[in-house]
Each structure stands twice: as C-alpha cells, then as structure tokens.
Amino acid sequence: MRLVMIDNYDSFTYNLVQLFAEFAVETLVFRHDQVSLAEIANLRPHWICVSPGPKDPAQAGISRQVVERFGRQTPLLGVCLGMQVIGEVFGGRTERAPLPVHGKASRVHHGGQGIFAGLPSPFMAARYHSLQVILGGDGLEPLARAEDGVLMGLRHRQYPIWGVQFHPESFFTQHGLEMARNFLALQPGFQAGPAMEAPAGQRFPRWAGVAPAVAA
C-alpha cells in the first residue's frame, strides 16, 4: 500500500518516512513545488501526509491544494505545518503561539479519539513550532492540547483528515508508532500488525537536541 508524503522542505521529513516504513508502507516523497495534483492522483495513494516545514501555510506550495483535493476521500495527516495548512483550509487561522517552543517536550492531553485511541493521556510529545492553529467554523474538531493551551491535535468532523502540531516521528514523542498505526488503520485493508523495530538508538534520530523538559 502506498503513502504520498508532501515535503515542505523540512530537514526531518525522512524521519516521518521511516516511521511509516516500520509498517512496510511504500512512501513516495515529493517536494511541495515539484509535483502536480494530477501526478498525485495518478499514483492512487492510500494515504497522504503533509510534512512539517520551516515556514507558514502561505509558503507551503501545493500543500493546501492537496488537502482540498484529496482529503475528502483519502486519509490525510498533517504534521506541524501540515496541521496549520489543514486549519486554514477549513476556516481557521495561523497565528503566533504564546511562546515559541523548539526542541522541547510537553504533556499532551487528549480524549482518546481516532489517532489517539488507546494512548494514555497525557503523554509527552516533542514540539518545534512558533505558530499555532486557531480553529474557525465548525468543520474541524479539537482533539488534543498541550498544558499551555495550544492546540496539539485535530480532525475533520466528516472527512478522514487529521492533524498534529507536535512531531510523532521524534524519539522524545511517546507512542509515535501507535499514532502512526492508528492513522494507517483508517484505510480499509491495512493490516495493523506489529511494527518492524529498528535497533535501539537508531529510530527517529530527531531526538538530537530535544530537551527532556516540559514546556508548560
């Protein structure tokens, strides 16, 4: 089964690729300015992931059009910048967070829905962002927040669209594999067996520079 990754020029996109590869998912990576909607459609992906990135939704290339075109029928996950894109597509806005949080871990509280099913609340998650999503309209539902009140997870009420502001691929995010499995299981036919574990210390190298401290 095939996942298309829209790369917003993030230096750790391939850590997300590695996360999904642990479930033997074929992941095809395209820079946000080097692929067309028609090319993506021709691939008939089973899932789409919109990656993090260093800028804001206005500078995320084709990401917005990907959410608009494919999110209504193809399970789609937005990570960090990807979640901000989803927020803007469905009537929200992106603004400065109360404090920039880069390389810090926060407790994330959630209600156990969707991609958070079966996970303890709270759990620790790595954050790398200066912006936050402010929801607007009634299309999106908040699912998780950090202890500073910043939105950490959302879903669309009707479509298979999910977003997380934190980085599930990070070594310092707890239960990243389980979240990935829950997302992949949205696609009928996916066999959510055990992940293929890499040797200790070699999974998700984004841990470098993550401070084991709570960003309250």
N, C-alpha and C. Protein backbone atom coordinates (compact mmCIF):
# COMPACT_ATOMS: atom_id res chain seq x y z
N MET A 1 0.84 -1.19 0.00
CA MET A 1 0.00 0.00 0.00
C MET A 1 0.88 1.24 0.00
N ARG A 2 0.36 2.34 -0.48
CA ARG A 2 1.20 3.49 -0.85
C ARG A 2 0.76 4.76 -0.12
N LEU A 3 1.75 5.46 0.41
CA LEU A 3 1.54 6.76 1.04
C LEU A 3 2.33 7.82 0.28
N VAL A 4 1.69 8.94 0.00
CA VAL A 4 2.38 10.08 -0.61
C VAL A 4 2.69 11.10 0.48
N MET A 5 3.96 11.47 0.55
CA MET A 5 4.42 12.47 1.51
C MET A 5 4.71 13.78 0.78
N ILE A 6 4.02 14.84 1.17
CA ILE A 6 4.32 16.17 0.64
C ILE A 6 5.37 16.80 1.54
N ASP A 7 6.55 17.02 0.99
CA ASP A 7 7.69 17.52 1.75
C ASP A 7 7.74 19.04 1.67
N ASN A 8 7.53 19.68 2.80
CA ASN A 8 7.61 21.14 2.88
C ASN A 8 9.02 21.61 3.23
N TYR A 9 9.99 20.96 2.61
CA TYR A 9 11.40 21.31 2.80
C TYR A 9 11.80 21.27 4.28
N ASP A 10 11.30 20.24 4.98
CA ASP A 10 11.68 20.06 6.37
C ASP A 10 12.86 19.09 6.45
N SER A 11 13.81 19.40 7.31
CA SER A 11 15.02 18.58 7.38
C SER A 11 14.77 17.21 7.98
N PHE A 12 13.59 16.99 8.55
CA PHE A 12 13.31 15.71 9.17
C PHE A 12 12.13 14.98 8.52
N THR A 13 11.78 15.35 7.31
CA THR A 13 10.71 14.65 6.60
C THR A 13 10.99 13.15 6.54
N TYR A 14 12.24 12.79 6.33
CA TYR A 14 12.54 11.37 6.16
C TYR A 14 12.49 10.60 7.47
N ASN A 15 12.45 11.28 8.61
CA ASN A 15 12.14 10.59 9.85
C ASN A 15 10.68 10.15 9.86
N LEU A 16 9.80 10.97 9.30
CA LEU A 16 8.40 10.55 9.13
C LEU A 16 8.30 9.38 8.17
N VAL A 17 9.07 9.43 7.10
CA VAL A 17 9.10 8.31 6.15
C VAL A 17 9.50 7.04 6.88
N GLN A 18 10.52 7.13 7.72
CA GLN A 18 10.97 5.97 8.48
C GLN A 18 9.89 5.46 9.41
N LEU A 19 9.15 6.37 10.02
CA LEU A 19 8.07 5.97 10.91
C LEU A 19 7.07 5.09 10.17
N PHE A 20 6.63 5.51 9.00
CA PHE A 20 5.66 4.72 8.24
C PHE A 20 6.29 3.46 7.65
N ALA A 21 7.58 3.52 7.34
CA ALA A 21 8.26 2.34 6.79
C ALA A 21 8.29 1.20 7.79
N GLU A 22 8.17 1.49 9.06
CA GLU A 22 8.16 0.42 10.05
C GLU A 22 6.92 -0.46 9.93
N PHE A 23 5.95 -0.01 9.17
CA PHE A 23 4.77 -0.82 8.90
C PHE A 23 4.76 -1.33 7.46
N ALA A 24 5.92 -1.31 6.82
CA ALA A 24 6.08 -1.80 5.45
C ALA A 24 5.20 -1.05 4.46
N VAL A 25 4.99 0.24 4.71
CA VAL A 25 4.23 1.09 3.80
C VAL A 25 5.19 1.73 2.80
N GLU A 26 4.86 1.64 1.52
CA GLU A 26 5.65 2.31 0.49
C GLU A 26 5.35 3.81 0.57
N THR A 27 6.37 4.61 0.79
CA THR A 27 6.19 6.05 0.91
C THR A 27 6.92 6.77 -0.21
N LEU A 28 6.19 7.57 -0.97
CA LEU A 28 6.75 8.35 -2.07
C LEU A 28 6.79 9.81 -1.65
N VAL A 29 7.96 10.43 -1.72
CA VAL A 29 8.16 11.78 -1.22
C VAL A 29 8.27 12.76 -2.38
N PHE A 30 7.51 13.86 -2.29
CA PHE A 30 7.53 14.91 -3.32
C PHE A 30 7.66 16.27 -2.65
N ARG A 31 8.60 17.08 -3.10
CA ARG A 31 8.70 18.45 -2.63
C ARG A 31 7.43 19.21 -3.01
N HIS A 32 7.06 20.17 -2.18
CA HIS A 32 5.76 20.83 -2.37
C HIS A 32 5.68 21.69 -3.63
N ASP A 33 6.80 21.91 -4.29
CA ASP A 33 6.79 22.68 -5.54
C ASP A 33 7.28 21.87 -6.73
N GLN A 34 7.29 20.53 -6.57
CA GLN A 34 7.82 19.68 -7.63
C GLN A 34 6.88 18.54 -7.98
N VAL A 35 5.59 18.70 -7.72
CA VAL A 35 4.61 17.68 -8.05
C VAL A 35 3.29 18.38 -8.33
N SER A 36 2.47 17.75 -9.17
CA SER A 36 1.15 18.30 -9.50
C SER A 36 0.05 17.45 -8.89
N LEU A 37 -1.14 18.03 -8.81
CA LEU A 37 -2.28 17.26 -8.33
C LEU A 37 -2.56 16.07 -9.23
N ALA A 38 -2.39 16.24 -10.53
CA ALA A 38 -2.63 15.14 -11.47
C ALA A 38 -1.66 14.00 -11.23
N GLU A 39 -0.40 14.33 -10.96
CA GLU A 39 0.59 13.28 -10.70
C GLU A 39 0.25 12.51 -9.43
N ILE A 40 -0.19 13.22 -8.42
CA ILE A 40 -0.58 12.54 -7.18
C ILE A 40 -1.79 11.65 -7.43
N ALA A 41 -2.78 12.16 -8.15
CA ALA A 41 -3.98 11.37 -8.44
C ALA A 41 -3.64 10.10 -9.20
N ASN A 42 -2.71 10.19 -10.13
CA ASN A 42 -2.33 9.02 -10.91
C ASN A 42 -1.68 7.93 -10.06
N LEU A 43 -1.10 8.31 -8.94
CA LEU A 43 -0.47 7.33 -8.05
C LEU A 43 -1.50 6.58 -7.20
N ARG A 44 -2.70 7.10 -7.10
CA ARG A 44 -3.77 6.49 -6.31
C ARG A 44 -3.30 6.13 -4.90
N PRO A 45 -2.82 7.10 -4.15
CA PRO A 45 -2.30 6.79 -2.81
C PRO A 45 -3.40 6.32 -1.86
N HIS A 46 -3.01 5.46 -0.94
CA HIS A 46 -3.93 5.02 0.10
C HIS A 46 -3.96 6.01 1.26
N TRP A 47 -2.87 6.76 1.42
CA TRP A 47 -2.78 7.78 2.46
C TRP A 47 -1.97 8.95 1.92
N ILE A 48 -2.14 10.10 2.54
CA ILE A 48 -1.31 11.28 2.24
C ILE A 48 -0.87 11.89 3.56
N CYS A 49 0.38 12.31 3.62
CA CYS A 49 0.89 13.04 4.78
C CYS A 49 1.49 14.35 4.31
N VAL A 50 1.09 15.44 4.93
CA VAL A 50 1.67 16.76 4.65
C VAL A 50 2.67 17.06 5.77
N SER A 51 3.92 17.22 5.40
CA SER A 51 5.01 17.25 6.36
C SER A 51 5.10 18.56 7.13
N PRO A 52 5.94 18.57 8.16
CA PRO A 52 6.34 19.83 8.78
C PRO A 52 7.13 20.68 7.79
N GLY A 53 7.46 21.87 8.21
CA GLY A 53 8.27 22.75 7.38
C GLY A 53 8.68 23.99 8.15
N PRO A 54 9.65 24.73 7.65
CA PRO A 54 10.20 25.86 8.39
C PRO A 54 9.42 27.17 8.23
N LYS A 55 8.37 27.18 7.41
CA LYS A 55 7.71 28.46 7.12
C LYS A 55 6.26 28.43 7.61
N ASP A 56 5.34 29.01 6.83
CA ASP A 56 3.95 29.06 7.25
C ASP A 56 3.07 28.56 6.11
N PRO A 57 1.75 28.38 6.33
CA PRO A 57 0.91 27.80 5.30
C PRO A 57 0.93 28.54 3.97
N ALA A 58 1.13 29.84 3.97
CA ALA A 58 1.17 30.59 2.72
C ALA A 58 2.37 30.22 1.86
N GLN A 59 3.37 29.59 2.47
CA GLN A 59 4.59 29.22 1.76
C GLN A 59 4.77 27.71 1.70
N ALA A 60 3.65 27.00 1.73
CA ALA A 60 3.68 25.54 1.74
C ALA A 60 3.35 24.94 0.38
N GLY A 61 3.55 25.69 -0.68
CA GLY A 61 3.39 25.16 -2.03
C GLY A 61 2.03 24.55 -2.29
N ILE A 62 2.05 23.32 -2.79
CA ILE A 62 0.83 22.64 -3.19
C ILE A 62 0.07 22.04 -2.01
N SER A 63 0.60 22.18 -0.80
CA SER A 63 0.01 21.51 0.36
C SER A 63 -1.47 21.83 0.53
N ARG A 64 -1.84 23.10 0.41
CA ARG A 64 -3.24 23.47 0.58
C ARG A 64 -4.13 22.80 -0.45
N GLN A 65 -3.70 22.81 -1.71
CA GLN A 65 -4.49 22.18 -2.76
C GLN A 65 -4.60 20.67 -2.57
N VAL A 66 -3.57 20.06 -2.01
CA VAL A 66 -3.61 18.63 -1.73
C VAL A 66 -4.69 18.32 -0.70
N VAL A 67 -4.76 19.12 0.35
CA VAL A 67 -5.79 18.92 1.37
C VAL A 67 -7.17 19.11 0.75
N GLU A 68 -7.34 20.15 -0.05
CA GLU A 68 -8.64 20.44 -0.66
C GLU A 68 -9.05 19.35 -1.64
N ARG A 69 -8.12 18.83 -2.41
CA ARG A 69 -8.45 17.88 -3.48
C ARG A 69 -8.62 16.45 -2.97
N PHE A 70 -7.75 16.02 -2.06
CA PHE A 70 -7.72 14.60 -1.71
C PHE A 70 -8.25 14.28 -0.31
N GLY A 71 -8.31 15.27 0.57
CA GLY A 71 -8.64 14.98 1.95
C GLY A 71 -10.05 14.46 2.18
N ARG A 72 -10.94 14.70 1.26
CA ARG A 72 -12.32 14.26 1.45
C ARG A 72 -12.50 12.76 1.24
N GLN A 73 -11.53 12.11 0.57
CA GLN A 73 -11.69 10.68 0.35
C GLN A 73 -10.47 9.86 0.75
N THR A 74 -9.31 10.47 0.86
CA THR A 74 -8.08 9.74 1.19
C THR A 74 -7.63 10.13 2.58
N PRO A 75 -7.41 9.16 3.49
CA PRO A 75 -6.91 9.52 4.81
C PRO A 75 -5.69 10.42 4.72
N LEU A 76 -5.74 11.55 5.40
CA LEU A 76 -4.69 12.56 5.28
C LEU A 76 -4.28 13.02 6.67
N LEU A 77 -2.97 13.06 6.89
CA LEU A 77 -2.40 13.51 8.15
C LEU A 77 -1.51 14.72 7.91
N GLY A 78 -1.75 15.80 8.64
CA GLY A 78 -0.88 16.96 8.59
C GLY A 78 -0.07 17.04 9.87
N VAL A 79 1.25 17.22 9.73
CA VAL A 79 2.14 17.28 10.89
C VAL A 79 2.74 18.68 10.99
N CYS A 80 2.54 19.33 12.12
CA CYS A 80 3.10 20.65 12.41
C CYS A 80 2.61 21.66 11.36
N LEU A 81 3.45 22.09 10.44
CA LEU A 81 2.99 22.97 9.36
C LEU A 81 1.82 22.34 8.62
N GLY A 82 1.85 21.02 8.44
CA GLY A 82 0.75 20.34 7.78
C GLY A 82 -0.57 20.53 8.49
N MET A 83 -0.56 20.52 9.83
CA MET A 83 -1.79 20.77 10.58
C MET A 83 -2.24 22.21 10.40
N GLN A 84 -1.29 23.13 10.34
CA GLN A 84 -1.65 24.54 10.14
C GLN A 84 -2.31 24.74 8.78
N VAL A 85 -1.83 24.04 7.76
CA VAL A 85 -2.46 24.10 6.44
C VAL A 85 -3.91 23.61 6.53
N ILE A 86 -4.12 22.48 7.19
CA ILE A 86 -5.47 21.95 7.36
C ILE A 86 -6.36 22.98 8.06
N GLY A 87 -5.84 23.58 9.11
CA GLY A 87 -6.62 24.58 9.83
C GLY A 87 -7.09 25.71 8.94
N GLU A 88 -6.21 26.20 8.09
CA GLU A 88 -6.59 27.32 7.21
C GLU A 88 -7.55 26.89 6.11
N VAL A 89 -7.39 25.67 5.60
CA VAL A 89 -8.32 25.19 4.56
C VAL A 89 -9.75 25.19 5.07
N PHE A 90 -9.92 24.86 6.35
CA PHE A 90 -11.27 24.72 6.89
C PHE A 90 -11.65 25.86 7.84
N GLY A 91 -11.22 27.07 7.48
CA GLY A 91 -11.75 28.26 8.11
C GLY A 91 -11.03 28.76 9.34
N GLY A 92 -9.94 28.11 9.72
CA GLY A 92 -9.18 28.58 10.86
C GLY A 92 -8.11 29.57 10.43
N ARG A 93 -7.25 29.91 11.37
CA ARG A 93 -6.15 30.81 11.05
C ARG A 93 -4.90 30.36 11.80
N THR A 94 -3.77 30.83 11.32
CA THR A 94 -2.48 30.54 11.94
C THR A 94 -1.95 31.84 12.54
N GLU A 95 -1.56 31.78 13.80
CA GLU A 95 -1.01 32.97 14.44
C GLU A 95 0.13 32.58 15.36
N ARG A 96 0.82 33.57 15.88
CA ARG A 96 1.93 33.30 16.77
C ARG A 96 1.45 32.58 18.03
N ALA A 97 2.19 31.56 18.43
CA ALA A 97 1.91 30.89 19.69
C ALA A 97 2.33 31.80 20.85
N PRO A 98 1.80 31.58 22.04
CA PRO A 98 2.19 32.42 23.18
C PRO A 98 3.70 32.48 23.38
N LEU A 99 4.35 31.34 23.19
CA LEU A 99 5.80 31.26 23.27
C LEU A 99 6.29 30.31 22.18
N PRO A 100 7.39 30.60 21.52
CA PRO A 100 7.96 29.62 20.59
C PRO A 100 8.49 28.43 21.38
N VAL A 101 8.24 27.24 20.86
CA VAL A 101 8.68 26.01 21.53
C VAL A 101 9.44 25.18 20.51
N HIS A 102 10.75 25.12 20.66
CA HIS A 102 11.58 24.38 19.71
C HIS A 102 12.52 23.46 20.48
N GLY A 103 12.42 22.16 20.18
CA GLY A 103 13.25 21.20 20.87
C GLY A 103 12.86 20.98 22.31
N LYS A 104 11.58 21.16 22.61
CA LYS A 104 11.06 20.93 23.96
C LYS A 104 9.97 19.87 23.89
N ALA A 105 9.73 19.24 25.02
CA ALA A 105 8.65 18.25 25.10
C ALA A 105 7.59 18.74 26.06
N SER A 106 6.34 18.52 25.69
CA SER A 106 5.20 18.93 26.51
C SER A 106 4.28 17.76 26.76
N ARG A 107 3.53 17.84 27.85
CA ARG A 107 2.46 16.86 28.06
C ARG A 107 1.29 17.23 27.15
N VAL A 108 0.79 16.24 26.45
CA VAL A 108 -0.35 16.42 25.55
C VAL A 108 -1.55 15.67 26.13
N HIS A 109 -2.63 16.39 26.33
CA HIS A 109 -3.86 15.82 26.88
C HIS A 109 -4.86 15.62 25.73
N HIS A 110 -5.56 14.50 25.75
CA HIS A 110 -6.49 14.16 24.66
C HIS A 110 -7.61 13.29 25.20
N GLY A 111 -8.61 13.06 24.35
CA GLY A 111 -9.77 12.27 24.75
C GLY A 111 -9.80 10.86 24.20
N GLY A 112 -8.71 10.41 23.59
CA GLY A 112 -8.63 9.03 23.12
C GLY A 112 -9.36 8.74 21.83
N GLN A 113 -9.57 9.76 21.01
CA GLN A 113 -10.31 9.57 19.77
C GLN A 113 -9.36 9.38 18.58
N GLY A 114 -9.80 8.58 17.62
CA GLY A 114 -9.10 8.46 16.34
C GLY A 114 -7.65 8.06 16.48
N ILE A 115 -6.74 8.89 15.99
CA ILE A 115 -5.33 8.54 16.02
C ILE A 115 -4.78 8.49 17.44
N PHE A 116 -5.53 9.01 18.42
CA PHE A 116 -5.11 8.95 19.82
C PHE A 116 -5.72 7.76 20.55
N ALA A 117 -6.46 6.92 19.86
CA ALA A 117 -7.13 5.79 20.50
C ALA A 117 -6.12 4.86 21.16
N GLY A 118 -6.41 4.48 22.38
CA GLY A 118 -5.57 3.54 23.10
C GLY A 118 -4.33 4.14 23.73
N LEU A 119 -4.14 5.45 23.62
CA LEU A 119 -2.96 6.09 24.18
C LEU A 119 -3.27 6.70 25.54
N PRO A 120 -2.31 6.69 26.46
CA PRO A 120 -2.54 7.35 27.74
C PRO A 120 -2.63 8.86 27.56
N SER A 121 -3.33 9.48 28.48
CA SER A 121 -3.42 10.95 28.49
C SER A 121 -3.09 11.43 29.90
N PRO A 122 -2.07 12.28 30.01
CA PRO A 122 -1.27 12.85 28.92
C PRO A 122 -0.12 11.94 28.51
N PHE A 123 0.51 12.27 27.39
CA PHE A 123 1.78 11.68 27.01
C PHE A 123 2.72 12.82 26.61
N MET A 124 3.99 12.52 26.55
CA MET A 124 4.98 13.53 26.20
C MET A 124 5.18 13.58 24.69
N ALA A 125 5.27 14.80 24.16
CA ALA A 125 5.45 14.97 22.72
C ALA A 125 6.42 16.10 22.44
N ALA A 126 7.25 15.90 21.43
CA ALA A 126 8.25 16.90 21.05
C ALA A 126 7.62 17.98 20.19
N ARG A 127 7.97 19.23 20.48
CA ARG A 127 7.41 20.38 19.77
C ARG A 127 8.52 21.21 19.14
N TYR A 128 8.26 21.63 17.89
CA TYR A 128 9.17 22.50 17.15
C TYR A 128 8.32 23.52 16.41
N HIS A 129 7.80 24.53 17.08
CA HIS A 129 6.93 25.47 16.37
C HIS A 129 6.84 26.80 17.09
N SER A 130 6.61 27.84 16.28
CA SER A 130 6.37 29.19 16.80
C SER A 130 4.95 29.65 16.52
N LEU A 131 4.22 28.88 15.69
CA LEU A 131 2.87 29.23 15.28
C LEU A 131 1.87 28.26 15.89
N GLN A 132 0.60 28.66 15.93
CA GLN A 132 -0.45 27.78 16.41
C GLN A 132 -1.69 27.93 15.54
N VAL A 133 -2.54 26.91 15.59
CA VAL A 133 -3.80 26.91 14.86
C VAL A 133 -4.91 27.42 15.78
N ILE A 134 -5.68 28.37 15.27
CA ILE A 134 -6.90 28.84 15.93
C ILE A 134 -8.06 28.39 15.05
N LEU A 135 -8.90 27.51 15.58
CA LEU A 135 -9.97 26.96 14.77
C LEU A 135 -11.04 28.00 14.47
N GLY A 136 -11.68 27.85 13.30
CA GLY A 136 -12.79 28.69 12.91
C GLY A 136 -13.82 27.84 12.19
N GLY A 137 -15.07 28.23 12.23
CA GLY A 137 -16.10 27.41 11.61
C GLY A 137 -16.35 26.16 12.43
N ASP A 138 -17.10 25.21 11.84
CA ASP A 138 -17.44 24.00 12.59
C ASP A 138 -16.95 22.73 11.91
N GLY A 139 -16.09 22.84 10.90
CA GLY A 139 -15.63 21.65 10.20
C GLY A 139 -14.62 20.84 10.97
N LEU A 140 -13.77 21.50 11.75
CA LEU A 140 -12.70 20.81 12.47
C LEU A 140 -13.03 20.70 13.95
N GLU A 141 -12.59 19.61 14.53
CA GLU A 141 -12.82 19.33 15.95
C GLU A 141 -11.48 19.25 16.67
N PRO A 142 -11.31 19.98 17.77
CA PRO A 142 -10.08 19.85 18.55
C PRO A 142 -10.02 18.52 19.27
N LEU A 143 -8.86 17.89 19.25
CA LEU A 143 -8.70 16.59 19.88
C LEU A 143 -7.69 16.58 21.01
N ALA A 144 -6.70 17.47 20.97
CA ALA A 144 -5.63 17.42 21.96
C ALA A 144 -5.06 18.81 22.17
N ARG A 145 -4.60 19.05 23.40
CA ARG A 145 -3.96 20.32 23.72
C ARG A 145 -2.77 20.07 24.64
N ALA A 146 -1.79 20.96 24.54
CA ALA A 146 -0.70 20.97 25.49
C ALA A 146 -1.14 21.70 26.76
N GLU A 147 -0.33 21.62 27.79
CA GLU A 147 -0.71 22.25 29.05
C GLU A 147 -0.70 23.77 28.99
N ASP A 148 -0.07 24.33 27.95
CA ASP A 148 -0.14 25.79 27.76
C ASP A 148 -1.36 26.21 26.97
N GLY A 149 -2.24 25.24 26.65
CA GLY A 149 -3.48 25.53 25.95
C GLY A 149 -3.39 25.51 24.44
N VAL A 150 -2.19 25.35 23.89
CA VAL A 150 -2.03 25.35 22.44
C VAL A 150 -2.58 24.05 21.86
N LEU A 151 -3.31 24.18 20.76
CA LEU A 151 -3.91 23.03 20.10
C LEU A 151 -2.83 22.10 19.57
N MET A 152 -2.95 20.82 19.92
CA MET A 152 -1.95 19.82 19.52
C MET A 152 -2.50 18.76 18.58
N GLY A 153 -3.81 18.66 18.45
CA GLY A 153 -4.38 17.66 17.56
C GLY A 153 -5.79 18.04 17.14
N LEU A 154 -6.16 17.67 15.92
CA LEU A 154 -7.50 17.96 15.40
C LEU A 154 -7.91 16.91 14.39
N ARG A 155 -9.18 16.92 14.07
CA ARG A 155 -9.69 16.09 12.98
C ARG A 155 -10.85 16.82 12.32
N HIS A 156 -11.15 16.42 11.09
CA HIS A 156 -12.35 16.93 10.44
C HIS A 156 -13.53 16.09 10.88
N ARG A 157 -14.66 16.73 11.09
CA ARG A 157 -15.84 16.04 11.60
C ARG A 157 -16.44 15.07 10.58
N GLN A 158 -16.18 15.28 9.30
CA GLN A 158 -16.79 14.46 8.27
C GLN A 158 -15.78 13.67 7.45
N TYR A 159 -14.62 14.24 7.17
CA TYR A 159 -13.64 13.64 6.28
C TYR A 159 -12.49 13.01 7.07
N PRO A 160 -11.75 12.08 6.45
CA PRO A 160 -10.65 11.39 7.16
C PRO A 160 -9.38 12.24 7.20
N ILE A 161 -9.50 13.42 7.79
CA ILE A 161 -8.40 14.39 7.86
C ILE A 161 -8.03 14.59 9.32
N TRP A 162 -6.74 14.45 9.60
CA TRP A 162 -6.22 14.54 10.96
C TRP A 162 -4.99 15.42 10.98
N GLY A 163 -4.74 16.07 12.09
CA GLY A 163 -3.55 16.90 12.21
C GLY A 163 -2.98 16.84 13.61
N VAL A 164 -1.65 16.91 13.68
CA VAL A 164 -0.96 17.03 14.97
C VAL A 164 0.06 18.15 14.86
N GLN A 165 0.16 18.97 15.90
CA GLN A 165 1.11 20.07 15.90
C GLN A 165 2.50 19.61 16.34
N PHE A 166 2.56 18.55 17.12
CA PHE A 166 3.83 18.00 17.58
C PHE A 166 4.41 17.05 16.53
N HIS A 167 5.56 16.46 16.86
CA HIS A 167 6.25 15.59 15.90
C HIS A 167 6.18 14.13 16.35
N PRO A 168 5.29 13.32 15.76
CA PRO A 168 5.19 11.92 16.18
C PRO A 168 6.43 11.10 15.84
N GLU A 169 7.23 11.58 14.89
CA GLU A 169 8.44 10.84 14.49
C GLU A 169 9.60 11.05 15.45
N SER A 170 9.46 11.99 16.38
CA SER A 170 10.56 12.31 17.28
C SER A 170 10.80 11.19 18.28
N PHE A 171 12.06 10.97 18.59
CA PHE A 171 12.43 10.00 19.61
C PHE A 171 11.77 10.34 20.94
N PHE A 172 11.60 11.62 21.21
CA PHE A 172 11.09 12.02 22.51
C PHE A 172 9.57 12.11 22.56
N THR A 173 8.90 11.80 21.47
CA THR A 173 7.44 11.70 21.50
C THR A 173 7.06 10.27 21.85
N GLN A 174 6.32 10.13 22.92
CA GLN A 174 5.87 8.80 23.31
C GLN A 174 4.74 8.33 22.39
N HIS A 175 4.74 7.04 22.09
CA HIS A 175 3.64 6.39 21.37
C HIS A 175 3.51 6.85 19.92
N GLY A 176 4.62 7.31 19.33
CA GLY A 176 4.57 7.70 17.92
C GLY A 176 4.19 6.56 17.00
N LEU A 177 4.70 5.35 17.29
CA LEU A 177 4.34 4.20 16.46
C LEU A 177 2.85 3.91 16.53
N GLU A 178 2.30 3.99 17.74
CA GLU A 178 0.87 3.70 17.89
C GLU A 178 0.02 4.73 17.13
N MET A 179 0.43 5.99 17.18
CA MET A 179 -0.30 7.01 16.42
C MET A 179 -0.23 6.74 14.92
N ALA A 180 0.96 6.37 14.44
CA ALA A 180 1.10 6.04 13.02
C ALA A 180 0.22 4.86 12.65
N ARG A 181 0.21 3.84 13.51
CA ARG A 181 -0.63 2.67 13.23
C ARG A 181 -2.10 3.05 13.19
N ASN A 182 -2.53 3.87 14.14
CA ASN A 182 -3.94 4.30 14.16
C ASN A 182 -4.30 5.06 12.89
N PHE A 183 -3.39 5.91 12.42
CA PHE A 183 -3.66 6.64 11.18
C PHE A 183 -3.74 5.68 10.00
N LEU A 184 -2.79 4.79 9.88
CA LEU A 184 -2.79 3.86 8.75
C LEU A 184 -4.02 2.97 8.76
N ALA A 185 -4.52 2.63 9.95
CA ALA A 185 -5.68 1.76 10.07
C ALA A 185 -6.97 2.43 9.59
N LEU A 186 -6.93 3.73 9.30
CA LEU A 186 -8.11 4.39 8.72
C LEU A 186 -8.40 3.89 7.32
N GLN A 187 -7.40 3.30 6.67
CA GLN A 187 -7.57 2.80 5.31
C GLN A 187 -7.98 1.33 5.36
N PRO A 188 -9.18 0.99 4.86
CA PRO A 188 -9.61 -0.40 4.84
C PRO A 188 -8.58 -1.26 4.10
N GLY A 189 -8.33 -2.42 4.63
CA GLY A 189 -7.37 -3.32 4.00
C GLY A 189 -5.99 -3.28 4.62
N PHE A 190 -5.71 -2.24 5.41
CA PHE A 190 -4.41 -2.18 6.07
C PHE A 190 -4.39 -3.16 7.23
N GLN A 191 -3.37 -3.99 7.26
CA GLN A 191 -3.21 -4.95 8.33
C GLN A 191 -2.30 -4.34 9.39
N ALA A 192 -2.87 -3.92 10.48
CA ALA A 192 -2.12 -3.19 11.50
C ALA A 192 -1.41 -4.15 12.43
N GLY A 193 -0.42 -4.86 11.89
CA GLY A 193 0.38 -5.76 12.69
C GLY A 193 1.45 -5.01 13.45
N PRO A 194 2.34 -5.74 14.11
CA PRO A 194 3.41 -5.08 14.87
C PRO A 194 4.38 -4.37 13.95
N ALA A 195 4.91 -3.26 14.43
CA ALA A 195 5.90 -2.52 13.66
C ALA A 195 7.21 -3.28 13.63
N MET A 196 8.01 -3.02 12.62
CA MET A 196 9.32 -3.63 12.49
C MET A 196 10.31 -2.74 13.23
N GLU A 197 10.73 -3.15 14.40
CA GLU A 197 11.58 -2.32 15.24
C GLU A 197 13.00 -2.25 14.69
N ALA A 198 13.55 -1.06 14.67
CA ALA A 198 14.96 -0.88 14.35
C ALA A 198 15.78 -1.10 15.62
N PRO A 199 17.09 -1.32 15.49
CA PRO A 199 17.93 -1.49 16.68
C PRO A 199 17.82 -0.28 17.61
N ALA A 200 17.96 -0.55 18.89
CA ALA A 200 17.85 0.52 19.88
C ALA A 200 18.81 1.66 19.55
N GLY A 201 18.30 2.88 19.68
CA GLY A 201 19.13 4.04 19.44
C GLY A 201 19.18 4.48 18.00
N GLN A 202 18.52 3.74 17.09
CA GLN A 202 18.60 4.09 15.68
C GLN A 202 17.27 4.56 15.12
N ARG A 203 16.22 4.57 15.92
CA ARG A 203 14.92 5.01 15.43
C ARG A 203 14.76 6.50 15.62
N PHE A 204 14.23 7.15 14.59
CA PHE A 204 13.79 8.53 14.67
C PHE A 204 14.87 9.44 15.26
N PRO A 205 15.95 9.70 14.53
CA PRO A 205 17.07 10.43 15.11
C PRO A 205 16.79 11.89 15.43
N ARG A 206 15.54 12.34 15.29
CA ARG A 206 15.27 13.74 15.64
C ARG A 206 15.46 13.99 17.13
N TRP A 207 15.72 12.96 17.91
CA TRP A 207 15.92 13.18 19.34
C TRP A 207 17.07 14.14 19.61
N ALA A 208 18.03 14.23 18.69
CA ALA A 208 19.18 15.10 18.92
C ALA A 208 18.71 16.53 19.15
N GLY A 209 19.07 17.09 20.26
CA GLY A 209 18.72 18.47 20.56
C GLY A 209 17.38 18.64 21.24
N VAL A 210 16.65 17.54 21.50
CA VAL A 210 15.38 17.66 22.21
C VAL A 210 15.64 17.69 23.70
N ALA A 211 15.20 18.73 24.35
CA ALA A 211 15.43 18.86 25.79
C ALA A 211 14.36 18.09 26.55
N PRO A 212 14.75 17.21 27.47
CA PRO A 212 13.77 16.45 28.25
C PRO A 212 13.16 17.32 29.34
N ALA A 213 12.49 18.37 28.92
CA ALA A 213 11.87 19.29 29.87
C ALA A 213 10.48 19.61 29.39
N VAL A 214 9.58 19.83 30.33
CA VAL A 214 8.19 20.10 29.99
C VAL A 214 8.05 21.57 29.62
N ALA A 215 7.48 21.82 28.42
CA ALA A 215 7.13 23.19 28.04
C ALA A 215 5.70 23.43 28.51
N ALA A 216 5.56 24.10 29.60
CA ALA A 216 4.23 24.24 30.21
C ALA A 216 3.36 25.22 29.43
